[in-house]
Amino acid sequence: MPRLPRPLVALLSVALLTAGCGSISLASPPPTPTDFPGITGRLSVAGITVSDWVSGDAGCISDTLRSAGISFKASGLDQTTPVKIYLYIFRNRAAWDKHRADIGPCAQAFVTDAQTFAEIEQSPYVLAGQGPWAARFEAALRQVVAAAAGTGG
């Protein structure tokens, strides 16, 4: 069996070692919840346009929800008319568990028809607004929120 030249053996060894290290460094870190700019970027990729956002707008008088709330208008896909959505981003799953029940009573301040109230819950987020939302639009919102939530905080 012929012997390989030393430089070739060294080069192959470095290549194998580098490839092994590369597979370790390419491993995905555990997912963490996305911030609002990241969520709007994901919505844009999904075909949803976000505008007129207001940080600290819970839609009602609530200190807890005000600090977690961001309102914005959204449209796209089959939702041709922009709708106002309230996004509540909680610090972690414990805060989400503690405060998500506050959103229903808060929504009474901005919902005009309780029968069509729309809400998406995925720790650490809650999206709420006056519905009905168009089917593809709502499905995209749900997908984006689920992906953005990561492990849920």
C-alpha atoms as a PDB file:
ATOM      1  CA  MET A   1       0.000   0.000   0.000  1.00  0.00           C
ATOM      2  CA  PRO A   2       1.503   3.389  -0.992  1.00  0.00           C
ATOM      3  CA  ARG A   3       2.319   5.933   1.698  1.00  0.00           C
ATOM      4  CA  LEU A   4       0.800   9.401   1.542  1.00  0.00           C
ATOM      5  CA  PRO A   5       3.171  12.366   1.714  1.00  0.00           C
ATOM      6  CA  ARG A   6       3.344  14.043   5.135  1.00  0.00           C
ATOM      7  CA  PRO A   7       1.974  17.414   3.924  1.00  0.00           C
ATOM      8  CA  LEU A   8      -1.090  15.643   2.518  1.00  0.00           C
ATOM      9  CA  VAL A   9      -1.627  13.708   5.766  1.00  0.00           C
ATOM     10  CA  ALA A  10      -1.320  16.953   7.761  1.00  0.00           C
ATOM     11  CA  LEU A  11      -3.753  18.721   5.424  1.00  0.00           C
ATOM     12  CA  LEU A  12      -6.301  15.892   5.687  1.00  0.00           C
ATOM     13  CA  SER A  13      -5.941  15.851   9.490  1.00  0.00           C
ATOM     14  CA  VAL A  14      -6.574  19.593   9.726  1.00  0.00           C
ATOM     15  CA  ALA A  15      -9.541  19.312   7.358  1.00  0.00           C
ATOM     16  CA  LEU A  16     -11.125  16.518   9.421  1.00  0.00           C
ATOM     17  CA  LEU A  17     -10.481  18.365  12.684  1.00  0.00           C
ATOM     18  CA  THR A  18     -11.951  21.579  11.274  1.00  0.00           C
ATOM     19  CA  ALA A  19     -14.998  19.744   9.922  1.00  0.00           C
ATOM     20  CA  GLY A  20     -15.581  18.171  13.333  1.00  0.00           C
ATOM     21  CA  CYS A  21     -15.317  21.522  15.093  1.00  0.00           C
ATOM     22  CA  GLY A  22     -17.589  23.102  12.527  1.00  0.00           C
ATOM     23  CA  SER A  23     -20.354  20.658  13.284  1.00  0.00           C
ATOM     24  CA  ILE A  24     -20.146  21.542  16.971  1.00  0.00           C
ATOM     25  CA  SER A  25     -20.198  25.299  16.358  1.00  0.00           C
ATOM     26  CA  LEU A  26     -23.080  25.021  13.890  1.00  0.00           C
ATOM     27  CA  ALA A  27     -25.370  23.435  16.470  1.00  0.00           C
ATOM     28  CA  SER A  28     -28.305  25.726  17.161  1.00  0.00           C
ATOM     29  CA  PRO A  29     -28.523  27.302  20.589  1.00  0.00           C
ATOM     30  CA  PRO A  30     -31.763  26.758  22.487  1.00  0.00           C
ATOM     31  CA  PRO A  31     -34.423  29.085  21.065  1.00  0.00           C
ATOM     32  CA  THR A  32     -35.314  32.148  23.104  1.00  0.00           C
ATOM     33  CA  PRO A  33     -38.268  34.470  22.594  1.00  0.00           C
ATOM     34  CA  THR A  34     -37.888  37.108  19.898  1.00  0.00           C
ATOM     35  CA  ASP A  35     -38.169  40.835  20.645  1.00  0.00           C
ATOM     36  CA  PHE A  36     -40.634  43.147  18.878  1.00  0.00           C
ATOM     37  CA  PRO A  37     -38.297  44.128  16.001  1.00  0.00           C
ATOM     38  CA  GLY A  38     -37.644  40.437  15.406  1.00  0.00           C
ATOM     39  CA  ILE A  39     -41.368  39.673  15.427  1.00  0.00           C
ATOM     40  CA  THR A  40     -42.098  42.454  12.911  1.00  0.00           C
ATOM     41  CA  GLY A  41     -39.333  41.088  10.695  1.00  0.00           C
ATOM     42  CA  ARG A  42     -40.859  37.610  10.836  1.00  0.00           C
ATOM     43  CA  LEU A  43     -44.303  39.065  10.088  1.00  0.00           C
ATOM     44  CA  SER A  44     -42.905  40.879   7.066  1.00  0.00           C
ATOM     45  CA  VAL A  45     -41.375  37.655   5.725  1.00  0.00           C
ATOM     46  CA  ALA A  46     -44.780  35.979   6.226  1.00  0.00           C
ATOM     47  CA  GLY A  47     -46.460  38.681   4.102  1.00  0.00           C
ATOM     48  CA  ILE A  48     -47.888  40.827   6.900  1.00  0.00           C
ATOM     49  CA  THR A  49     -47.243  44.563   6.976  1.00  0.00           C
ATOM     50  CA  VAL A  50     -46.925  46.233  10.393  1.00  0.00           C
ATOM     51  CA  SER A  51     -47.322  49.980  10.908  1.00  0.00           C
ATOM     52  CA  ASP A  52     -48.168  52.624  13.505  1.00  0.00           C
ATOM     53  CA  TRP A  53     -46.735  50.750  16.485  1.00  0.00           C
ATOM     54  CA  VAL A  54     -46.947  52.311  19.946  1.00  0.00           C
ATOM     55  CA  SER A  55     -44.941  50.892  22.820  1.00  0.00           C
ATOM     56  CA  GLY A  56     -46.689  50.956  26.191  1.00  0.00           C
ATOM     57  CA  ASP A  57     -50.189  50.845  24.664  1.00  0.00           C
ATOM     58  CA  ALA A  58     -52.142  48.093  26.390  1.00  0.00           C
ATOM     59  CA  GLY A  59     -55.508  49.255  25.076  1.00  0.00           C
ATOM     60  CA  CYS A  60     -56.755  49.826  28.632  1.00  0.00           C
ATOM     61  CA  ILE A  61     -55.717  51.306  31.939  1.00  0.00           C
ATOM     62  CA  SER A  62     -53.463  48.656  33.470  1.00  0.00           C
ATOM     63  CA  ASP A  63     -49.955  49.302  34.740  1.00  0.00           C
ATOM     64  CA  THR A  64     -48.973  45.652  34.350  1.00  0.00           C
ATOM     65  CA  LEU A  65     -50.260  45.360  30.788  1.00  0.00           C
ATOM     66  CA  ARG A  66     -49.025  48.815  29.780  1.00  0.00           C
ATOM     67  CA  SER A  67     -45.431  47.793  30.440  1.00  0.00           C
ATOM     68  CA  ALA A  68     -45.946  44.631  28.364  1.00  0.00           C
ATOM     69  CA  GLY A  69     -48.160  46.139  25.642  1.00  0.00           C
ATOM     70  CA  ILE A  70     -47.412  47.281  22.109  1.00  0.00           C
ATOM     71  CA  SER A  71     -50.186  48.216  19.702  1.00  0.00           C
ATOM     72  CA  PHE A  72     -49.792  48.201  15.935  1.00  0.00           C
ATOM     73  CA  LYS A  73     -51.796  47.990  12.735  1.00  0.00           C
ATOM     74  CA  ALA A  74     -51.368  44.965  10.519  1.00  0.00           C
ATOM     75  CA  SER A  75     -52.587  43.837   7.125  1.00  0.00           C
ATOM     76  CA  GLY A  76     -51.527  41.461   4.399  1.00  0.00           C
ATOM     77  CA  LEU A  77     -52.327  38.169   2.748  1.00  0.00           C
ATOM     78  CA  ASP A  78     -56.149  37.990   2.780  1.00  0.00           C
ATOM     79  CA  GLN A  79     -56.530  40.750   5.426  1.00  0.00           C
ATOM     80  CA  THR A  80     -56.933  43.753   3.124  1.00  0.00           C
ATOM     81  CA  THR A  81     -58.120  46.226   5.761  1.00  0.00           C
ATOM     82  CA  PRO A  82     -55.525  47.008   8.458  1.00  0.00           C
ATOM     83  CA  VAL A  83     -56.532  45.838  11.936  1.00  0.00           C
ATOM     84  CA  LYS A  84     -55.274  47.125  15.262  1.00  0.00           C
ATOM     85  CA  ILE A  85     -53.574  44.434  17.290  1.00  0.00           C
ATOM     86  CA  TYR A  86     -52.308  44.569  20.837  1.00  0.00           C
ATOM     87  CA  LEU A  87     -49.209  42.495  21.491  1.00  0.00           C
ATOM     88  CA  TYR A  88     -48.297  41.763  25.080  1.00  0.00           C
ATOM     89  CA  ILE A  89     -44.743  40.538  25.608  1.00  0.00           C
ATOM     90  CA  PHE A  90     -44.143  39.162  29.076  1.00  0.00           C
ATOM     91  CA  ARG A  91     -40.725  38.763  30.694  1.00  0.00           C
ATOM     92  CA  ASN A  92     -41.002  34.995  31.084  1.00  0.00           C
ATOM     93  CA  ARG A  93     -43.486  32.126  31.327  1.00  0.00           C
ATOM     94  CA  ALA A  94     -44.225  32.845  35.010  1.00  0.00           C
ATOM     95  CA  ALA A  95     -45.214  36.460  34.200  1.00  0.00           C
ATOM     96  CA  TRP A  96     -47.251  35.206  31.226  1.00  0.00           C
ATOM     97  CA  ASP A  97     -49.083  32.712  33.434  1.00  0.00           C
ATOM     98  CA  LYS A  98     -49.713  35.390  36.052  1.00  0.00           C
ATOM     99  CA  HIS A  99     -51.030  38.141  33.732  1.00  0.00           C
ATOM    100  CA  ARG A 100     -52.583  36.565  30.633  1.00  0.00           C
ATOM    101  CA  ALA A 101     -55.994  36.379  32.333  1.00  0.00           C
ATOM    102  CA  ASP A 102     -55.878  40.207  32.676  1.00  0.00           C
ATOM    103  CA  ILE A 103     -56.097  40.627  28.898  1.00  0.00           C
ATOM    104  CA  GLY A 104     -59.769  39.599  28.558  1.00  0.00           C
ATOM    105  CA  PRO A 105     -61.010  42.290  30.962  1.00  0.00           C
ATOM    106  CA  CYS A 106     -58.620  44.815  29.376  1.00  0.00           C
ATOM    107  CA  ALA A 107     -59.965  43.985  25.913  1.00  0.00           C
ATOM    108  CA  GLN A 108     -63.393  45.279  26.951  1.00  0.00           C
ATOM    109  CA  ALA A 109     -61.898  48.752  26.472  1.00  0.00           C
ATOM    110  CA  PHE A 110     -61.014  48.217  22.792  1.00  0.00           C
ATOM    111  CA  VAL A 111     -63.296  45.457  21.499  1.00  0.00           C
ATOM    112  CA  THR A 112     -66.562  46.553  19.915  1.00  0.00           C
ATOM    113  CA  ASP A 113     -67.962  43.049  19.309  1.00  0.00           C
ATOM    114  CA  ALA A 114     -67.115  40.427  21.926  1.00  0.00           C
ATOM    115  CA  GLN A 115     -68.301  37.627  19.601  1.00  0.00           C
ATOM    116  CA  THR A 116     -65.477  38.346  17.156  1.00  0.00           C
ATOM    117  CA  PHE A 117     -62.703  39.125  19.645  1.00  0.00           C
ATOM    118  CA  ALA A 118     -59.505  37.486  18.373  1.00  0.00           C
ATOM    119  CA  GLU A 119     -56.660  36.306  20.573  1.00  0.00           C
ATOM    120  CA  ILE A 120     -53.495  34.251  20.134  1.00  0.00           C
ATOM    121  CA  GLU A 121     -51.692  32.993  23.234  1.00  0.00           C
ATOM    122  CA  GLN A 122     -48.188  31.557  23.051  1.00  0.00           C
ATOM    123  CA  SER A 123     -45.900  32.126  26.023  1.00  0.00           C
ATOM    124  CA  PRO A 124     -44.465  34.739  26.442  1.00  0.00           C
ATOM    125  CA  TYR A 125     -46.840  36.526  24.013  1.00  0.00           C
ATOM    126  CA  VAL A 126     -50.506  37.325  23.724  1.00  0.00           C
ATOM    127  CA  LEU A 127     -51.936  39.014  20.608  1.00  0.00           C
ATOM    128  CA  ALA A 128     -55.423  40.436  20.938  1.00  0.00           C
ATOM    129  CA  GLY A 129     -57.705  42.548  18.802  1.00  0.00           C
ATOM    130  CA  GLN A 130     -61.057  43.044  17.235  1.00  0.00           C
ATOM    131  CA  GLY A 131     -61.789  40.255  14.802  1.00  0.00           C
ATOM    132  CA  PRO A 132     -62.684  38.539  12.767  1.00  0.00           C
ATOM    133  CA  TRP A 133     -59.277  38.237  11.155  1.00  0.00           C
ATOM    134  CA  ALA A 134     -59.010  36.748   7.686  1.00  0.00           C
ATOM    135  CA  ALA A 135     -58.079  33.036   7.705  1.00  0.00           C
ATOM    136  CA  ARG A 136     -54.638  33.159   6.030  1.00  0.00           C
ATOM    137  CA  PHE A 137     -53.720  36.305   7.978  1.00  0.00           C
ATOM    138  CA  GLU A 138     -54.606  34.676  11.304  1.00  0.00           C
ATOM    139  CA  ALA A 139     -52.803  31.453  10.376  1.00  0.00           C
ATOM    140  CA  ALA A 140     -49.657  33.433   9.528  1.00  0.00           C
ATOM    141  CA  LEU A 141     -49.910  35.354  12.814  1.00  0.00           C
ATOM    142  CA  ARG A 142     -50.166  32.068  14.705  1.00  0.00           C
ATOM    143  CA  GLN A 143     -47.176  30.593  12.865  1.00  0.00           C
ATOM    144  CA  VAL A 144     -45.020  33.642  13.428  1.00  0.00           C
ATOM    145  CA  VAL A 145     -45.908  33.884  17.112  1.00  0.00           C
ATOM    146  CA  ALA A 146     -45.216  30.171  17.654  1.00  0.00           C
ATOM    147  CA  ALA A 147     -41.823  30.415  15.934  1.00  0.00           C
ATOM    148  CA  ALA A 148     -40.912  33.672  17.690  1.00  0.00           C
ATOM    149  CA  ALA A 149     -41.808  32.267  21.117  1.00  0.00           C
ATOM    150  CA  GLY A 150     -38.975  29.753  21.083  1.00  0.00           C
ATOM    151  CA  THR A 151     -39.145  27.876  24.373  1.00  0.00           C
ATOM    152  CA  GLY A 152     -41.655  30.386  25.740  1.00  0.00           C
ATOM    153  CA  GLY A 153     -39.360  32.146  28.162  1.00  0.00           C
END
